[in-house]
Amino acid sequence: MIRNLNFLEKSLFFARISLFAYKKPDEALTYYKDLGFNSTYFDNGGAEAYLLENDSEIILAFRGTEPNEYQDIIHDIKINMVKSSSGIGKVHSRI
């Protein structure tokens, strides 16, 4: 499905996937199903994501910081940038 889209179509598709990640889980699961994906919602201490799957594709859609969510802001404050295990670039690490 995704591989058959052109660049603009892919960009719009992933923008929609990202937007749905901020919906309430019951709403998002319906949206993702309408796009042809089975989805699973994960919430681990405020880190939220959706796993989307169909017969040929797997997508992880993560929520970013929600400025009105106290826990999101606290988690962001506790994040430290460290060298990645590959030695290329930096990644977030909790202090």
Protein backbone atom coordinates (compact mmCIF):
# COMPACT_ATOMS: atom_id res chain seq x y z
CA MET A 1 0.00 0.00 0.00
CA ILE A 2 2.51 2.64 1.14
CA ARG A 3 5.17 1.66 -1.37
CA ASN A 4 2.75 2.50 -4.20
CA LEU A 5 2.31 6.10 -3.04
CA ASN A 6 4.33 8.98 -4.46
CA PHE A 7 6.34 11.25 -2.17
CA LEU A 8 3.53 13.77 -1.59
CA GLU A 9 0.99 11.01 -0.93
CA LYS A 10 3.36 9.34 1.53
CA SER A 11 3.96 12.65 3.29
CA LEU A 12 0.22 13.26 3.67
CA PHE A 13 -0.38 9.67 4.76
CA PHE A 14 2.23 9.84 7.54
CA ALA A 15 1.02 13.30 8.59
CA ARG A 16 -2.44 11.79 9.06
CA ILE A 17 -1.00 8.84 11.01
CA SER A 18 0.86 11.29 13.26
CA LEU A 19 -2.22 13.45 13.80
CA PHE A 20 -4.28 10.41 14.84
CA ALA A 21 -1.66 9.53 17.46
CA TYR A 22 -2.92 12.51 19.49
CA LYS A 23 -6.54 11.30 19.49
CA LYS A 24 -8.05 9.38 22.39
CA PRO A 25 -7.20 5.68 21.97
CA ASP A 26 -10.73 4.58 21.08
CA GLU A 27 -10.96 7.29 18.39
CA ALA A 28 -7.47 6.62 17.03
CA LEU A 29 -8.05 2.88 16.79
CA THR A 30 -11.14 3.57 14.65
CA TYR A 31 -9.23 5.97 12.37
CA TYR A 32 -6.39 3.49 11.92
CA LYS A 33 -8.84 0.69 11.16
CA ASP A 34 -10.44 2.87 8.46
CA LEU A 35 -6.96 3.20 6.91
CA GLY A 36 -6.65 -0.60 6.83
CA PHE A 37 -4.52 -1.21 9.93
CA ASN A 38 -4.94 -3.25 13.07
CA SER A 39 -3.61 -1.10 15.88
CA THR A 40 -2.47 -1.43 19.46
CA TYR A 41 -2.15 1.47 21.90
CA PHE A 42 0.76 1.59 24.37
CA ASP A 43 1.18 3.90 27.36
CA ASN A 44 4.30 3.43 29.45
CA GLY A 45 4.60 6.12 32.09
CA GLY A 46 3.28 8.80 29.77
CA ALA A 47 5.24 7.66 26.69
CA GLU A 48 2.42 6.85 24.28
CA ALA A 49 2.50 5.11 20.92
CA TYR A 50 0.44 3.10 18.46
CA LEU A 51 1.59 -0.01 16.67
CA LEU A 52 -0.13 -0.29 13.27
CA GLU A 53 -0.07 -3.49 11.24
CA ASN A 54 -1.54 -4.86 8.06
CA ASP A 55 -0.52 -7.79 5.83
CA SER A 56 2.55 -6.02 4.47
CA GLU A 57 3.42 -3.04 6.71
CA ILE A 58 4.22 -2.16 10.30
CA ILE A 59 4.23 1.43 11.56
CA LEU A 60 5.03 2.87 14.99
CA ALA A 61 3.38 6.23 15.67
CA PHE A 62 4.60 8.01 18.81
CA ARG A 63 3.02 10.98 20.50
CA GLY A 64 5.35 13.87 21.13
CA THR A 65 5.20 16.33 24.00
CA GLU A 66 1.76 17.65 24.75
CA PRO A 67 2.33 21.14 26.22
CA ASN A 68 -0.72 20.93 28.49
CA GLU A 69 0.33 17.60 30.00
CA TYR A 70 2.40 18.05 33.15
CA GLN A 71 3.90 14.54 32.91
CA ASP A 72 5.14 15.18 29.34
CA ILE A 73 6.93 18.33 30.42
CA ILE A 74 8.49 16.62 33.46
CA HIS A 75 9.72 13.73 31.29
CA ASP A 76 11.23 16.19 28.81
CA ILE A 77 13.10 17.95 31.59
CA LYS A 78 14.58 14.61 32.71
CA ILE A 79 15.87 13.69 29.25
CA ASN A 80 19.59 13.87 28.56
CA MET A 81 21.29 13.55 25.15
CA VAL A 82 23.97 10.84 25.05
CA LYS A 83 26.11 9.27 22.35
CA SER A 84 24.29 6.40 20.62
CA SER A 85 25.50 2.84 21.00
CA SER A 86 26.67 2.90 17.38
CA GLY A 87 28.74 6.01 18.09
CA ILE A 88 26.88 7.90 15.36
CA GLY A 89 24.71 10.77 16.57
CA LYS A 90 23.01 11.27 19.90
CA VAL A 91 19.85 9.82 21.44
CA HIS A 92 17.62 10.66 24.40
CA SER A 93 18.36 8.99 27.70
CA ARG A 94 16.57 9.34 31.00
CA ILE A 95 18.67 10.71 33.84
